[in-house]
Amino acid sequence: MNIQEIIHKIRSLMPGSQSVESDPLIQLLIHSLQHTGGEEHHNCDEFFADIDQYAEMNIHGQDAAKLMPLIKEHLEICNGCEEEYEALLRILEEKSTA
């Protein structure tokens, strides 16, 4: 099923809604679906195994997104892991300035 078919299905479930695509939750769903490719993406467990290294690279000014693109992609599609990463980054930044 492609994105357009999913949108059509959503429209059929939400009669009377002309602008399903403008709904922020639908946009998030569409973005997630467009950026989810299958096995090439880390799952959350794999992400947590590498999150500290990714954060340390960023703290030290390295381009972690370029060096670890799968982690970057996972952060873009997984809100829970992105929140965990942001919390870790804040802790590391506070620790490095103390």
Protein backbone atom coordinates (compact mmCIF):
# COMPACT_ATOMS: atom_id res chain seq x y z
CA MET A 1 0.00 0.00 0.00
CA ASN A 2 1.48 3.38 -0.97
CA ILE A 3 1.00 6.77 0.69
CA GLN A 4 -1.82 7.84 -1.63
CA GLU A 5 -3.75 4.64 -0.89
CA ILE A 6 -3.31 5.25 2.83
CA ILE A 7 -4.61 8.82 2.48
CA HIS A 8 -7.60 7.53 0.52
CA LYS A 9 -8.28 4.96 3.25
CA ILE A 10 -8.06 7.63 5.95
CA ARG A 11 -10.46 9.86 4.00
CA SER A 12 -12.94 7.01 3.75
CA LEU A 13 -12.77 6.54 7.51
CA MET A 14 -13.25 10.27 8.16
CA PRO A 15 -16.26 11.29 6.07
CA GLY A 16 -16.76 15.02 5.59
CA SER A 17 -13.08 15.81 6.10
CA GLN A 18 -11.83 17.57 2.97
CA SER A 19 -8.35 18.43 4.28
CA VAL A 20 -7.09 15.27 5.91
CA GLU A 21 -3.60 16.06 4.64
CA SER A 22 -3.51 19.31 6.65
CA ASP A 23 -4.08 17.52 9.97
CA PRO A 24 -0.76 17.55 11.91
CA LEU A 25 -1.19 13.95 13.07
CA ILE A 26 -1.80 12.80 9.52
CA GLN A 27 1.27 14.73 8.38
CA LEU A 28 3.35 13.00 11.06
CA LEU A 29 2.00 9.62 9.97
CA ILE A 30 2.76 10.36 6.32
CA HIS A 31 6.27 11.55 7.17
CA SER A 32 6.91 8.43 9.23
CA LEU A 33 5.65 6.16 6.48
CA GLN A 34 7.73 7.91 3.84
CA HIS A 35 10.88 7.55 5.92
CA THR A 36 10.38 3.98 7.05
CA GLY A 37 12.10 1.57 4.76
CA GLY A 38 12.31 -1.69 6.64
CA GLU A 39 15.40 -3.54 7.70
CA GLU A 40 17.84 -0.75 6.93
CA HIS A 41 16.42 1.24 9.85
CA HIS A 42 17.48 0.66 13.41
CA ASN A 43 14.81 -0.47 15.77
CA CYS A 44 14.63 1.14 19.20
CA ASP A 45 16.80 -1.51 20.91
CA GLU A 46 19.57 -1.05 18.35
CA PHE A 47 19.21 2.70 18.68
CA PHE A 48 19.74 2.62 22.45
CA ALA A 49 22.92 0.61 21.94
CA ASP A 50 24.39 3.52 19.92
CA ILE A 51 22.70 6.62 21.35
CA ASP A 52 25.53 7.52 23.73
CA GLN A 53 28.13 7.41 20.98
CA TYR A 54 25.92 9.53 18.71
CA ALA A 55 25.38 12.10 21.46
CA GLU A 56 29.09 12.23 22.36
CA MET A 57 29.96 12.86 18.71
CA ASN A 58 27.56 15.80 18.62
CA ILE A 59 28.89 17.22 21.90
CA HIS A 60 32.44 17.09 20.50
CA GLY A 61 31.45 18.87 17.29
CA GLN A 62 31.55 15.86 14.99
CA ASP A 63 28.88 15.40 12.31
CA ALA A 64 27.15 12.43 13.93
CA ALA A 65 24.32 12.52 11.39
CA LYS A 66 26.81 11.99 8.58
CA LEU A 67 28.81 9.37 10.46
CA MET A 68 25.77 7.48 11.75
CA PRO A 69 22.96 8.12 9.24
CA LEU A 70 20.75 5.27 10.47
CA ILE A 71 20.62 6.82 13.93
CA LYS A 72 19.69 10.17 12.37
CA GLU A 73 16.91 8.51 10.36
CA HIS A 74 15.59 6.73 13.43
CA LEU A 75 15.48 9.99 15.37
CA GLU A 76 13.46 11.55 12.56
CA ILE A 77 10.76 8.89 12.70
CA CYS A 78 10.65 7.85 16.36
CA ASN A 79 9.42 10.52 18.75
CA GLY A 80 10.12 8.45 21.85
CA CYS A 81 13.75 7.86 20.96
CA GLU A 82 14.16 11.47 19.87
CA GLU A 83 12.96 12.63 23.30
CA GLU A 84 15.37 10.22 25.01
CA TYR A 85 18.21 11.48 22.83
CA GLU A 86 17.40 15.14 23.58
CA ALA A 87 17.37 14.39 27.32
CA LEU A 88 20.73 12.61 27.08
CA LEU A 89 22.16 15.48 25.04
CA ARG A 90 21.06 18.02 27.67
CA ILE A 91 22.69 15.96 30.43
CA LEU A 92 25.94 15.64 28.50
CA GLU A 93 25.97 19.36 27.68
CA GLU A 94 25.42 20.27 31.34
CA LYS A 95 28.15 17.86 32.39
CA SER A 96 30.62 19.28 29.86
CA THR A 97 30.03 22.86 31.01
CA ALA A 98 30.26 22.07 34.72
